[in-house]
Amino acid sequence: MGQGLYDHSFRDINNKEVRLGDFAGKKILFMILPVNPADSLIVQLKGFVAAYGNRVQVIGVLSQEDGASQATKAAINARYGNTGILLTDVLYSRKGGGQSPVMKWLTSKEENGHFDMDVKGSGHKFFINGQGKLYAVLGSNSSLLSPFVQKVMNASESGVQPVPVKDSLKS
């Protein structure tokens, strides 16, 4: 295995460095955000943050492959700015040349120790436990307000970590 997640950092939408080690002990949800979200996704994000905000840091990934660009950053920030999530700067999320180191960690079993799965598009979710371990990967078809996501979020409350799970992802 390569570096741990907490050894990585990224630039946020305002070009400030964010060190993932600052979130040690807290769950993290990385989610690939669509450039033009449906209102239902904004409602989901707000509901998720309201339900779990004190226990999880939500990081919205602005994926260049999914349409995010320097030109769309202001509009994206306006859409997601009041949801209570941290927005990354625009980055490459897919495997291959130029993939951001954080996304490489999330998508490579050699790095994260559990999953070897490329991002399939906006809505893709990566759940990290309080010890910095990737323990669930869900596709865009999984609502943040679903009972399954509730199980994923509550799985490690007792300190017992769940068996890594993933739902089927459509290409």
C-alpha atoms as a PDB file:
ATOM      1  CA  MET A   1       0.000   0.000   0.000  1.00  0.00           C
ATOM      2  CA  GLY A   2       1.094   3.554  -0.717  1.00  0.00           C
ATOM      3  CA  GLN A   3       0.623   6.572   1.487  1.00  0.00           C
ATOM      4  CA  GLY A   4      -2.379   6.821   3.769  1.00  0.00           C
ATOM      5  CA  LEU A   5      -5.230   9.156   2.920  1.00  0.00           C
ATOM      6  CA  TYR A   6      -4.226  11.547   5.697  1.00  0.00           C
ATOM      7  CA  ASP A   7      -0.853  12.086   3.992  1.00  0.00           C
ATOM      8  CA  HIS A   8      -2.605  13.758   1.053  1.00  0.00           C
ATOM      9  CA  SER A   9      -3.848  17.270   0.469  1.00  0.00           C
ATOM     10  CA  PHE A  10      -5.669  19.108  -2.291  1.00  0.00           C
ATOM     11  CA  ARG A  11      -6.584  22.653  -3.300  1.00  0.00           C
ATOM     12  CA  ASP A  12     -10.099  23.829  -2.555  1.00  0.00           C
ATOM     13  CA  ILE A  13     -12.242  25.935  -4.866  1.00  0.00           C
ATOM     14  CA  ASN A  14     -10.601  29.084  -3.445  1.00  0.00           C
ATOM     15  CA  ASN A  15      -7.108  27.674  -4.115  1.00  0.00           C
ATOM     16  CA  LYS A  16      -6.366  27.075  -0.415  1.00  0.00           C
ATOM     17  CA  GLU A  17      -4.503  23.922   0.568  1.00  0.00           C
ATOM     18  CA  VAL A  18      -6.628  21.387   2.473  1.00  0.00           C
ATOM     19  CA  ARG A  19      -4.726  18.720   4.416  1.00  0.00           C
ATOM     20  CA  LEU A  20      -6.741  15.561   4.842  1.00  0.00           C
ATOM     21  CA  GLY A  21      -4.849  14.819   8.068  1.00  0.00           C
ATOM     22  CA  ASP A  22      -6.850  17.669   9.600  1.00  0.00           C
ATOM     23  CA  PHE A  23      -9.917  15.395   9.389  1.00  0.00           C
ATOM     24  CA  ALA A  24      -8.345  12.453  11.248  1.00  0.00           C
ATOM     25  CA  GLY A  25     -10.929  10.878  13.558  1.00  0.00           C
ATOM     26  CA  LYS A  26     -13.846  12.099  11.442  1.00  0.00           C
ATOM     27  CA  LYS A  27     -15.592  10.268   8.632  1.00  0.00           C
ATOM     28  CA  ILE A  28     -15.162  11.722   5.153  1.00  0.00           C
ATOM     29  CA  LEU A  29     -17.461  11.421   2.167  1.00  0.00           C
ATOM     30  CA  PHE A  30     -15.930  12.259  -1.208  1.00  0.00           C
ATOM     31  CA  MET A  31     -18.577  12.803  -3.878  1.00  0.00           C
ATOM     32  CA  ILE A  32     -18.081  13.633  -7.550  1.00  0.00           C
ATOM     33  CA  LEU A  33     -20.369  16.600  -8.101  1.00  0.00           C
ATOM     34  CA  PRO A  34     -22.292  17.279 -11.282  1.00  0.00           C
ATOM     35  CA  VAL A  35     -21.718  20.694 -12.830  1.00  0.00           C
ATOM     36  CA  ASN A  36     -25.472  21.257 -13.245  1.00  0.00           C
ATOM     37  CA  PRO A  37     -27.102  19.443 -10.342  1.00  0.00           C
ATOM     38  CA  ALA A  38     -30.753  18.648 -10.086  1.00  0.00           C
ATOM     39  CA  ASP A  39     -32.500  20.409  -7.216  1.00  0.00           C
ATOM     40  CA  SER A  40     -33.023  16.972  -5.673  1.00  0.00           C
ATOM     41  CA  LEU A  41     -29.240  16.543  -5.265  1.00  0.00           C
ATOM     42  CA  ILE A  42     -28.958  19.879  -3.459  1.00  0.00           C
ATOM     43  CA  VAL A  43     -31.793  18.751  -1.152  1.00  0.00           C
ATOM     44  CA  GLN A  44     -29.974  15.426  -0.580  1.00  0.00           C
ATOM     45  CA  LEU A  45     -26.704  17.175   0.253  1.00  0.00           C
ATOM     46  CA  LYS A  46     -28.374  19.571   2.675  1.00  0.00           C
ATOM     47  CA  GLY A  47     -30.281  16.699   4.314  1.00  0.00           C
ATOM     48  CA  PHE A  48     -27.143  14.563   4.588  1.00  0.00           C
ATOM     49  CA  VAL A  49     -25.132  17.416   6.132  1.00  0.00           C
ATOM     50  CA  ALA A  50     -27.998  18.183   8.533  1.00  0.00           C
ATOM     51  CA  ALA A  51     -28.156  14.535   9.626  1.00  0.00           C
ATOM     52  CA  TYR A  52     -24.435  13.763   9.822  1.00  0.00           C
ATOM     53  CA  GLY A  53     -22.612  17.100   9.632  1.00  0.00           C
ATOM     54  CA  ASN A  54     -20.988  16.862  13.026  1.00  0.00           C
ATOM     55  CA  ARG A  55     -19.684  13.332  12.266  1.00  0.00           C
ATOM     56  CA  VAL A  56     -18.598  13.630   8.633  1.00  0.00           C
ATOM     57  CA  GLN A  57     -16.753  16.018   6.354  1.00  0.00           C
ATOM     58  CA  VAL A  58     -18.350  16.061   2.911  1.00  0.00           C
ATOM     59  CA  ILE A  59     -15.899  16.888   0.131  1.00  0.00           C
ATOM     60  CA  GLY A  60     -17.412  17.702  -3.239  1.00  0.00           C
ATOM     61  CA  VAL A  61     -15.019  16.826  -6.053  1.00  0.00           C
ATOM     62  CA  LEU A  62     -15.115  19.068  -9.125  1.00  0.00           C
ATOM     63  CA  SER A  63     -14.165  16.582 -11.817  1.00  0.00           C
ATOM     64  CA  GLN A  64     -12.767  17.938 -15.052  1.00  0.00           C
ATOM     65  CA  GLU A  65     -13.941  14.798 -16.859  1.00  0.00           C
ATOM     66  CA  ASP A  66     -17.505  15.529 -15.732  1.00  0.00           C
ATOM     67  CA  GLY A  67     -17.541  19.101 -17.050  1.00  0.00           C
ATOM     68  CA  ALA A  68     -16.007  21.169 -14.260  1.00  0.00           C
ATOM     69  CA  SER A  69     -13.584  23.838 -15.451  1.00  0.00           C
ATOM     70  CA  GLN A  70     -12.012  27.062 -14.280  1.00  0.00           C
ATOM     71  CA  ALA A  71     -14.772  28.869 -16.199  1.00  0.00           C
ATOM     72  CA  THR A  72     -17.567  27.023 -14.327  1.00  0.00           C
ATOM     73  CA  LYS A  73     -16.126  27.354 -10.791  1.00  0.00           C
ATOM     74  CA  ALA A  74     -18.092  30.479  -9.814  1.00  0.00           C
ATOM     75  CA  ALA A  75     -21.406  28.941 -10.895  1.00  0.00           C
ATOM     76  CA  ILE A  76     -20.573  25.662  -9.130  1.00  0.00           C
ATOM     77  CA  ASN A  77     -19.646  27.536  -5.956  1.00  0.00           C
ATOM     78  CA  ALA A  78     -22.941  29.442  -6.118  1.00  0.00           C
ATOM     79  CA  ARG A  79     -24.913  26.171  -6.469  1.00  0.00           C
ATOM     80  CA  TYR A  80     -23.135  24.214  -3.740  1.00  0.00           C
ATOM     81  CA  GLY A  81     -21.845  27.006  -1.515  1.00  0.00           C
ATOM     82  CA  ASN A  82     -24.762  26.856   0.919  1.00  0.00           C
ATOM     83  CA  THR A  83     -24.834  23.053   1.300  1.00  0.00           C
ATOM     84  CA  GLY A  84     -22.187  22.820   4.033  1.00  0.00           C
ATOM     85  CA  ILE A  85     -19.670  20.878   1.953  1.00  0.00           C
ATOM     86  CA  LEU A  86     -16.042  21.563   1.105  1.00  0.00           C
ATOM     87  CA  LEU A  87     -15.426  21.948  -2.633  1.00  0.00           C
ATOM     88  CA  THR A  88     -12.202  20.886  -4.308  1.00  0.00           C
ATOM     89  CA  ASP A  89     -10.621  22.865  -7.088  1.00  0.00           C
ATOM     90  CA  VAL A  90     -11.127  21.361 -10.549  1.00  0.00           C
ATOM     91  CA  LEU A  91      -9.130  18.129 -10.783  1.00  0.00           C
ATOM     92  CA  TYR A  92      -8.770  14.975 -12.840  1.00  0.00           C
ATOM     93  CA  SER A  93     -10.768  12.217 -11.179  1.00  0.00           C
ATOM     94  CA  ARG A  94     -10.355   9.305 -13.616  1.00  0.00           C
ATOM     95  CA  LYS A  95      -7.507   6.818 -13.719  1.00  0.00           C
ATOM     96  CA  GLY A  96      -4.668   7.590 -16.080  1.00  0.00           C
ATOM     97  CA  GLY A  97      -2.208  10.377 -16.671  1.00  0.00           C
ATOM     98  CA  GLY A  98      -2.926  13.483 -14.656  1.00  0.00           C
ATOM     99  CA  GLN A  99      -5.224  11.865 -12.063  1.00  0.00           C
ATOM    100  CA  SER A 100      -5.033  13.793  -8.798  1.00  0.00           C
ATOM    101  CA  PRO A 101      -3.173  11.967  -5.999  1.00  0.00           C
ATOM    102  CA  VAL A 102      -6.274  11.972  -3.768  1.00  0.00           C
ATOM    103  CA  MET A 103      -8.387  10.442  -6.519  1.00  0.00           C
ATOM    104  CA  LYS A 104      -5.651   7.902  -7.244  1.00  0.00           C
ATOM    105  CA  TRP A 105      -5.795   6.867  -3.577  1.00  0.00           C
ATOM    106  CA  LEU A 106      -9.598   6.532  -3.725  1.00  0.00           C
ATOM    107  CA  THR A 107      -9.649   4.501  -6.960  1.00  0.00           C
ATOM    108  CA  SER A 108      -6.593   2.228  -6.598  1.00  0.00           C
ATOM    109  CA  LYS A 109      -6.518  -0.875  -4.392  1.00  0.00           C
ATOM    110  CA  GLU A 110      -2.722  -0.550  -4.263  1.00  0.00           C
ATOM    111  CA  GLU A 111      -3.270   2.767  -2.487  1.00  0.00           C
ATOM    112  CA  ASN A 112      -6.435   2.284  -0.405  1.00  0.00           C
ATOM    113  CA  GLY A 113      -6.201  -1.442   0.327  1.00  0.00           C
ATOM    114  CA  HIS A 114      -9.838  -2.241  -0.566  1.00  0.00           C
ATOM    115  CA  PHE A 115     -11.128  -1.164  -3.957  1.00  0.00           C
ATOM    116  CA  ASP A 116      -9.795  -0.862  -7.479  1.00  0.00           C
ATOM    117  CA  MET A 117     -12.599   1.025  -9.188  1.00  0.00           C
ATOM    118  CA  ASP A 118     -12.525   4.014 -11.481  1.00  0.00           C
ATOM    119  CA  VAL A 119     -14.966   6.893 -11.143  1.00  0.00           C
ATOM    120  CA  LYS A 120     -18.031   6.235 -13.291  1.00  0.00           C
ATOM    121  CA  GLY A 121     -19.338   9.795 -13.346  1.00  0.00           C
ATOM    122  CA  SER A 122     -20.948  12.435 -11.201  1.00  0.00           C
ATOM    123  CA  GLY A 123     -22.649  11.148  -8.077  1.00  0.00           C
ATOM    124  CA  HIS A 124     -19.932   8.558  -7.370  1.00  0.00           C
ATOM    125  CA  LYS A 125     -19.307   8.366  -3.590  1.00  0.00           C
ATOM    126  CA  PHE A 126     -16.338   7.215  -1.484  1.00  0.00           C
ATOM    127  CA  PHE A 127     -16.820   6.736   2.277  1.00  0.00           C
ATOM    128  CA  ILE A 128     -13.807   6.970   4.605  1.00  0.00           C
ATOM    129  CA  ASN A 129     -13.998   5.965   8.276  1.00  0.00           C
ATOM    130  CA  GLY A 130     -12.485   7.916  11.163  1.00  0.00           C
ATOM    131  CA  GLN A 131      -9.230   5.967  10.838  1.00  0.00           C
ATOM    132  CA  GLY A 132      -8.741   7.021   7.218  1.00  0.00           C
ATOM    133  CA  LYS A 133      -9.792   3.695   5.659  1.00  0.00           C
ATOM    134  CA  LEU A 134     -11.976   3.463   2.566  1.00  0.00           C
ATOM    135  CA  TYR A 135     -14.912   1.257   3.546  1.00  0.00           C
ATOM    136  CA  ALA A 136     -17.660   1.867   0.990  1.00  0.00           C
ATOM    137  CA  VAL A 137     -17.922   2.975  -2.631  1.00  0.00           C
ATOM    138  CA  LEU A 138     -21.347   3.780  -4.062  1.00  0.00           C
ATOM    139  CA  GLY A 139     -22.495   4.807  -7.499  1.00  0.00           C
ATOM    140  CA  SER A 140     -24.665   7.691  -8.568  1.00  0.00           C
ATOM    141  CA  ASN A 141     -27.828   5.625  -8.209  1.00  0.00           C
ATOM    142  CA  SER A 142     -27.508   5.620  -4.388  1.00  0.00           C
ATOM    143  CA  SER A 143     -29.313   8.515  -2.726  1.00  0.00           C
ATOM    144  CA  LEU A 144     -27.532  10.178   0.187  1.00  0.00           C
ATOM    145  CA  LEU A 145     -30.800   9.894   2.109  1.00  0.00           C
ATOM    146  CA  SER A 146     -31.362   6.169   1.472  1.00  0.00           C
ATOM    147  CA  PRO A 147     -31.573   3.588   4.274  1.00  0.00           C
ATOM    148  CA  PHE A 148     -28.468   1.910   2.799  1.00  0.00           C
ATOM    149  CA  VAL A 149     -26.396   5.089   3.142  1.00  0.00           C
ATOM    150  CA  GLN A 150     -27.733   5.419   6.693  1.00  0.00           C
ATOM    151  CA  LYS A 151     -26.408   1.898   7.403  1.00  0.00           C
ATOM    152  CA  VAL A 152     -23.045   2.817   5.879  1.00  0.00           C
ATOM    153  CA  MET A 153     -22.820   5.953   8.010  1.00  0.00           C
ATOM    154  CA  ASN A 154     -23.810   4.166  11.218  1.00  0.00           C
ATOM    155  CA  ALA A 155     -21.733   1.030  10.594  1.00  0.00           C
ATOM    156  CA  SER A 156     -18.692   2.143  12.528  1.00  0.00           C
ATOM    157  CA  GLU A 157     -20.381   3.997  15.393  1.00  0.00           C
ATOM    158  CA  SER A 158     -19.486   1.217  17.820  1.00  0.00           C
ATOM    159  CA  GLY A 159     -15.887   1.160  16.623  1.00  0.00           C
ATOM    160  CA  VAL A 160     -16.458  -2.057  14.664  1.00  0.00           C
ATOM    161  CA  GLN A 161     -15.657  -1.416  11.035  1.00  0.00           C
ATOM    162  CA  PRO A 162     -17.928  -2.817   8.350  1.00  0.00           C
ATOM    163  CA  VAL A 163     -16.812  -5.233   5.709  1.00  0.00           C
ATOM    164  CA  PRO A 164     -16.111  -3.049   2.676  1.00  0.00           C
ATOM    165  CA  VAL A 165     -19.143  -2.965   0.423  1.00  0.00           C
ATOM    166  CA  LYS A 166     -19.945  -1.516  -2.948  1.00  0.00           C
ATOM    167  CA  ASP A 167     -23.082  -1.375  -4.982  1.00  0.00           C
ATOM    168  CA  SER A 168     -23.209  -2.161  -8.659  1.00  0.00           C
ATOM    169  CA  LEU A 169     -22.139   0.715 -10.819  1.00  0.00           C
ATOM    170  CA  LYS A 170     -23.451   1.276 -14.282  1.00  0.00           C
ATOM    171  CA  SER A 171     -20.905   2.313 -16.862  1.00  0.00           C
END
